[in-house]
Amino acid sequence: MTNTTKTKTLEIKLLDRELRVACPEEERGELLDAVAFLDKRMREIRDAGKIASVERIALMAALNITHELLGMKVGRGVDLSDFKRRMGSMQAAIDEALAEQDSLF
């Protein structure tokens, strides 16, 4: 079985710094969403005025996001992989219901 996933270089911008990252084509949208989310969080930290170094801002943003993620999984009893699976099941059910509706008309 061959891997047909194509990886492309994508130019992104975080806190006005340009970076190049490798990304599979099918994950481009998700990566751009992640970049926008991280850039927003980094700008919030920078604009608070307590940290000036871009590296420290990035580390604080990563630490804050990781803390929130772990809090979701442990503190609130949410298992992200289970959540994704359930969302996929719901999307499949919606797609099936819409396909049935289309066949009625």
N, C-alpha and C. Protein backbone atom coordinates (compact mmCIF):
# COMPACT_ATOMS: atom_id res chain seq x y z
N MET A 1 0.84 -1.16 0.00
CA MET A 1 0.00 0.00 0.00
C MET A 1 0.89 1.24 0.00
N THR A 2 0.68 2.14 -0.95
CA THR A 2 1.51 3.33 -1.02
C THR A 2 0.84 4.50 -0.34
N ASN A 3 1.63 5.37 0.20
CA ASN A 3 1.13 6.56 0.85
C ASN A 3 1.02 7.66 -0.19
N THR A 4 -0.21 8.11 -0.47
CA THR A 4 -0.41 9.12 -1.50
C THR A 4 -0.55 10.52 -0.91
N THR A 5 -0.31 10.67 0.37
CA THR A 5 -0.39 11.97 1.00
C THR A 5 0.73 12.85 0.49
N LYS A 6 0.35 14.02 -0.03
CA LYS A 6 1.35 14.97 -0.50
C LYS A 6 1.57 16.02 0.57
N THR A 7 2.84 16.25 0.87
CA THR A 7 3.19 17.26 1.85
C THR A 7 3.73 18.46 1.11
N LYS A 8 3.23 19.62 1.49
CA LYS A 8 3.68 20.87 0.89
C LYS A 8 4.21 21.78 1.97
N THR A 9 5.05 22.70 1.55
CA THR A 9 5.54 23.71 2.46
C THR A 9 4.53 24.85 2.49
N LEU A 10 4.19 25.28 3.68
CA LEU A 10 3.20 26.33 3.86
C LEU A 10 3.86 27.46 4.63
N GLU A 11 3.69 28.67 4.14
CA GLU A 11 4.21 29.84 4.84
C GLU A 11 3.14 30.35 5.78
N ILE A 12 3.50 30.49 7.04
CA ILE A 12 2.57 30.99 8.05
C ILE A 12 3.17 32.20 8.73
N LYS A 13 2.34 32.91 9.47
CA LYS A 13 2.82 34.08 10.21
C LYS A 13 2.27 34.01 11.62
N LEU A 14 3.19 34.04 12.59
CA LEU A 14 2.84 34.07 14.00
C LEU A 14 3.46 35.31 14.62
N LEU A 15 2.64 36.17 15.16
CA LEU A 15 3.11 37.40 15.79
C LEU A 15 4.07 38.16 14.87
N ASP A 16 3.65 38.30 13.62
CA ASP A 16 4.38 39.03 12.58
C ASP A 16 5.71 38.39 12.18
N ARG A 17 5.93 37.16 12.57
CA ARG A 17 7.13 36.42 12.14
C ARG A 17 6.71 35.34 11.16
N GLU A 18 7.39 35.32 10.03
CA GLU A 18 7.06 34.34 9.01
C GLU A 18 7.84 33.05 9.25
N LEU A 19 7.12 31.94 9.07
CA LEU A 19 7.72 30.61 9.23
C LEU A 19 7.27 29.74 8.08
N ARG A 20 8.06 28.74 7.76
CA ARG A 20 7.68 27.73 6.79
C ARG A 20 7.53 26.42 7.51
N VAL A 21 6.41 25.76 7.25
CA VAL A 21 6.16 24.47 7.88
C VAL A 21 5.70 23.47 6.83
N ALA A 22 6.04 22.21 7.05
CA ALA A 22 5.57 21.15 6.15
C ALA A 22 4.20 20.71 6.63
N CYS A 23 3.30 20.49 5.67
CA CYS A 23 1.94 20.14 6.03
C CYS A 23 1.32 19.28 4.93
N PRO A 24 0.70 18.16 5.30
CA PRO A 24 -0.04 17.38 4.29
C PRO A 24 -1.18 18.24 3.74
N GLU A 25 -1.44 18.13 2.46
CA GLU A 25 -2.46 18.95 1.81
C GLU A 25 -3.81 18.88 2.52
N GLU A 26 -4.21 17.68 2.93
CA GLU A 26 -5.53 17.52 3.53
C GLU A 26 -5.63 18.11 4.93
N GLU A 27 -4.51 18.50 5.53
CA GLU A 27 -4.52 19.09 6.86
C GLU A 27 -4.28 20.60 6.83
N ARG A 28 -4.21 21.17 5.64
CA ARG A 28 -3.90 22.59 5.48
C ARG A 28 -4.89 23.47 6.25
N GLY A 29 -6.18 23.22 6.07
CA GLY A 29 -7.19 24.03 6.74
C GLY A 29 -7.09 23.98 8.25
N GLU A 30 -6.87 22.78 8.77
CA GLU A 30 -6.74 22.62 10.22
C GLU A 30 -5.50 23.35 10.73
N LEU A 31 -4.41 23.27 9.97
CA LEU A 31 -3.19 23.96 10.39
C LEU A 31 -3.41 25.47 10.39
N LEU A 32 -4.06 25.99 9.36
CA LEU A 32 -4.32 27.43 9.31
C LEU A 32 -5.23 27.87 10.46
N ASP A 33 -6.18 27.04 10.84
CA ASP A 33 -7.02 27.34 12.01
C ASP A 33 -6.17 27.38 13.28
N ALA A 34 -5.26 26.42 13.40
CA ALA A 34 -4.37 26.38 14.58
C ALA A 34 -3.46 27.60 14.61
N VAL A 35 -2.95 28.00 13.45
CA VAL A 35 -2.09 29.19 13.37
C VAL A 35 -2.87 30.42 13.82
N ALA A 36 -4.09 30.58 13.33
CA ALA A 36 -4.91 31.74 13.71
C ALA A 36 -5.17 31.75 15.22
N PHE A 37 -5.48 30.58 15.77
CA PHE A 37 -5.74 30.47 17.21
C PHE A 37 -4.50 30.83 18.02
N LEU A 38 -3.36 30.25 17.64
CA LEU A 38 -2.12 30.52 18.37
C LEU A 38 -1.70 31.97 18.23
N ASP A 39 -1.82 32.53 17.03
CA ASP A 39 -1.46 33.93 16.81
C ASP A 39 -2.30 34.84 17.70
N LYS A 40 -3.60 34.55 17.79
CA LYS A 40 -4.49 35.35 18.64
C LYS A 40 -4.05 35.28 20.10
N ARG A 41 -3.76 34.07 20.56
CA ARG A 41 -3.33 33.91 21.96
C ARG A 41 -2.00 34.62 22.22
N MET A 42 -1.08 34.53 21.28
CA MET A 42 0.21 35.20 21.45
C MET A 42 0.03 36.72 21.48
N ARG A 43 -0.85 37.24 20.64
CA ARG A 43 -1.10 38.69 20.63
C ARG A 43 -1.73 39.14 21.95
N GLU A 44 -2.61 38.34 22.51
CA GLU A 44 -3.22 38.67 23.80
C GLU A 44 -2.16 38.77 24.88
N ILE A 45 -1.23 37.83 24.89
CA ILE A 45 -0.15 37.84 25.89
C ILE A 45 0.75 39.04 25.67
N ARG A 46 1.11 39.30 24.41
CA ARG A 46 1.97 40.45 24.10
C ARG A 46 1.29 41.75 24.49
N ASP A 47 0.00 41.87 24.17
CA ASP A 47 -0.72 43.11 24.43
C ASP A 47 -0.95 43.36 25.92
N ALA A 48 -0.88 42.30 26.72
CA ALA A 48 -0.98 42.48 28.18
C ALA A 48 0.23 43.21 28.71
N GLY A 49 1.32 43.21 27.93
CA GLY A 49 2.49 44.02 28.23
C GLY A 49 3.45 43.47 29.26
N LYS A 50 3.24 42.27 29.73
CA LYS A 50 4.11 41.74 30.78
C LYS A 50 5.33 41.00 30.21
N ILE A 51 5.22 40.53 28.96
CA ILE A 51 6.30 39.75 28.36
C ILE A 51 6.63 40.36 27.01
N ALA A 52 7.91 40.58 26.75
CA ALA A 52 8.32 41.21 25.49
C ALA A 52 8.93 40.23 24.50
N SER A 53 9.63 39.25 24.96
CA SER A 53 10.33 38.31 24.09
C SER A 53 9.33 37.41 23.36
N VAL A 54 9.48 37.33 22.03
CA VAL A 54 8.59 36.49 21.23
C VAL A 54 8.68 35.03 21.68
N GLU A 55 9.87 34.57 22.01
CA GLU A 55 10.04 33.20 22.46
C GLU A 55 9.29 32.94 23.76
N ARG A 56 9.36 33.87 24.69
CA ARG A 56 8.64 33.72 25.96
C ARG A 56 7.14 33.79 25.75
N ILE A 57 6.71 34.66 24.84
CA ILE A 57 5.28 34.76 24.52
C ILE A 57 4.80 33.42 23.96
N ALA A 58 5.57 32.83 23.05
CA ALA A 58 5.21 31.54 22.46
C ALA A 58 5.15 30.45 23.52
N LEU A 59 6.11 30.44 24.43
CA LEU A 59 6.11 29.45 25.50
C LEU A 59 4.91 29.62 26.43
N MET A 60 4.59 30.86 26.77
CA MET A 60 3.44 31.09 27.64
C MET A 60 2.13 30.69 26.95
N ALA A 61 2.01 30.99 25.66
CA ALA A 61 0.81 30.60 24.91
C ALA A 61 0.70 29.08 24.87
N ALA A 62 1.82 28.40 24.61
CA ALA A 62 1.81 26.93 24.57
C ALA A 62 1.44 26.36 25.93
N LEU A 63 1.99 26.92 26.98
CA LEU A 63 1.68 26.45 28.33
C LEU A 63 0.20 26.67 28.66
N ASN A 64 -0.33 27.83 28.33
CA ASN A 64 -1.75 28.12 28.60
C ASN A 64 -2.66 27.18 27.82
N ILE A 65 -2.37 26.97 26.55
CA ILE A 65 -3.20 26.10 25.71
C ILE A 65 -3.13 24.66 26.21
N THR A 66 -1.94 24.20 26.58
CA THR A 66 -1.77 22.84 27.10
C THR A 66 -2.53 22.67 28.40
N HIS A 67 -2.47 23.67 29.26
CA HIS A 67 -3.19 23.62 30.53
C HIS A 67 -4.69 23.50 30.29
N GLU A 68 -5.22 24.29 29.36
CA GLU A 68 -6.64 24.23 29.02
C GLU A 68 -7.02 22.86 28.46
N LEU A 69 -6.18 22.33 27.57
CA LEU A 69 -6.44 21.03 26.97
C LEU A 69 -6.47 19.93 28.02
N LEU A 70 -5.48 19.92 28.89
CA LEU A 70 -5.44 18.90 29.94
C LEU A 70 -6.60 19.08 30.91
N GLY A 71 -7.00 20.30 31.16
CA GLY A 71 -8.14 20.56 32.03
C GLY A 71 -9.42 20.02 31.43
N MET A 72 -9.55 20.11 30.11
CA MET A 72 -10.73 19.57 29.44
C MET A 72 -10.77 18.06 29.58
N LYS A 73 -9.63 17.43 29.40
CA LYS A 73 -9.58 15.96 29.41
C LYS A 73 -9.75 15.40 30.81
N VAL A 74 -9.04 15.99 31.77
CA VAL A 74 -9.04 15.43 33.12
C VAL A 74 -10.12 16.04 33.99
N GLY A 75 -10.14 17.36 34.08
CA GLY A 75 -11.03 18.04 35.01
C GLY A 75 -12.50 17.91 34.69
N ARG A 76 -12.84 17.97 33.44
CA ARG A 76 -14.25 17.94 33.08
C ARG A 76 -14.67 16.58 32.53
N GLY A 77 -13.77 15.64 32.55
CA GLY A 77 -14.11 14.30 32.11
C GLY A 77 -14.32 14.16 30.61
N VAL A 78 -13.78 15.07 29.82
CA VAL A 78 -13.95 15.01 28.37
C VAL A 78 -12.74 14.31 27.76
N ASP A 79 -13.00 13.26 27.03
CA ASP A 79 -11.96 12.55 26.30
C ASP A 79 -12.02 13.04 24.86
N LEU A 80 -10.98 13.76 24.42
CA LEU A 80 -11.02 14.39 23.10
C LEU A 80 -11.14 13.39 21.96
N SER A 81 -10.52 12.23 22.08
CA SER A 81 -10.63 11.25 20.99
C SER A 81 -12.06 10.72 20.92
N ASP A 82 -12.69 10.53 22.07
CA ASP A 82 -14.08 10.10 22.09
C ASP A 82 -14.98 11.20 21.53
N PHE A 83 -14.68 12.43 21.88
CA PHE A 83 -15.44 13.57 21.38
C PHE A 83 -15.37 13.64 19.85
N LYS A 84 -14.17 13.47 19.29
CA LYS A 84 -14.00 13.49 17.83
C LYS A 84 -14.77 12.34 17.18
N ARG A 85 -14.71 11.17 17.80
CA ARG A 85 -15.43 10.01 17.26
C ARG A 85 -16.94 10.28 17.26
N ARG A 86 -17.44 10.84 18.34
CA ARG A 86 -18.87 11.13 18.44
C ARG A 86 -19.28 12.20 17.42
N MET A 87 -18.44 13.19 17.24
CA MET A 87 -18.74 14.23 16.25
C MET A 87 -18.77 13.63 14.84
N GLY A 88 -17.86 12.71 14.57
CA GLY A 88 -17.86 12.03 13.27
C GLY A 88 -19.12 11.22 13.06
N SER A 89 -19.57 10.54 14.11
CA SER A 89 -20.81 9.76 14.02
C SER A 89 -22.01 10.67 13.78
N MET A 90 -22.04 11.79 14.47
CA MET A 90 -23.14 12.73 14.27
C MET A 90 -23.13 13.31 12.86
N GLN A 91 -21.93 13.62 12.35
CA GLN A 91 -21.83 14.15 10.99
C GLN A 91 -22.30 13.11 9.98
N ALA A 92 -21.95 11.85 10.19
CA ALA A 92 -22.38 10.78 9.29
C ALA A 92 -23.90 10.65 9.32
N ALA A 93 -24.49 10.73 10.52
CA ALA A 93 -25.94 10.64 10.65
C ALA A 93 -26.63 11.81 9.96
N ILE A 94 -26.08 12.99 10.09
CA ILE A 94 -26.63 14.17 9.43
C ILE A 94 -26.54 14.02 7.92
N ASP A 95 -25.38 13.59 7.43
CA ASP A 95 -25.19 13.39 5.99
C ASP A 95 -26.19 12.37 5.45
N GLU A 96 -26.40 11.30 6.19
CA GLU A 96 -27.34 10.25 5.77
C GLU A 96 -28.77 10.80 5.74
N ALA A 97 -29.15 11.56 6.77
CA ALA A 97 -30.49 12.14 6.82
C ALA A 97 -30.71 13.12 5.67
N LEU A 98 -29.69 13.92 5.37
CA LEU A 98 -29.81 14.87 4.25
C LEU A 98 -29.91 14.14 2.92
N ALA A 99 -29.16 13.06 2.77
CA ALA A 99 -29.22 12.28 1.53
C ALA A 99 -30.62 11.68 1.36
N GLU A 100 -31.22 11.21 2.45
CA GLU A 100 -32.58 10.67 2.39
C GLU A 100 -33.57 11.76 2.03
N GLN A 101 -33.41 12.95 2.56
CA GLN A 101 -34.29 14.07 2.24
C GLN A 101 -34.17 14.45 0.76
N ASP A 102 -32.95 14.44 0.24
CA ASP A 102 -32.74 14.78 -1.17
C ASP A 102 -33.43 13.78 -2.08
N SER A 103 -33.45 12.52 -1.66
CA SER A 103 -34.07 11.50 -2.51
C SER A 103 -35.60 11.61 -2.51
N LEU A 104 -36.16 12.30 -1.52
CA LEU A 104 -37.61 12.46 -1.46
C LEU A 104 -38.12 13.51 -2.46
N PHE A 105 -37.26 14.42 -2.84
CA PHE A 105 -37.69 15.51 -3.71
C PHE A 105 -37.10 15.36 -5.07
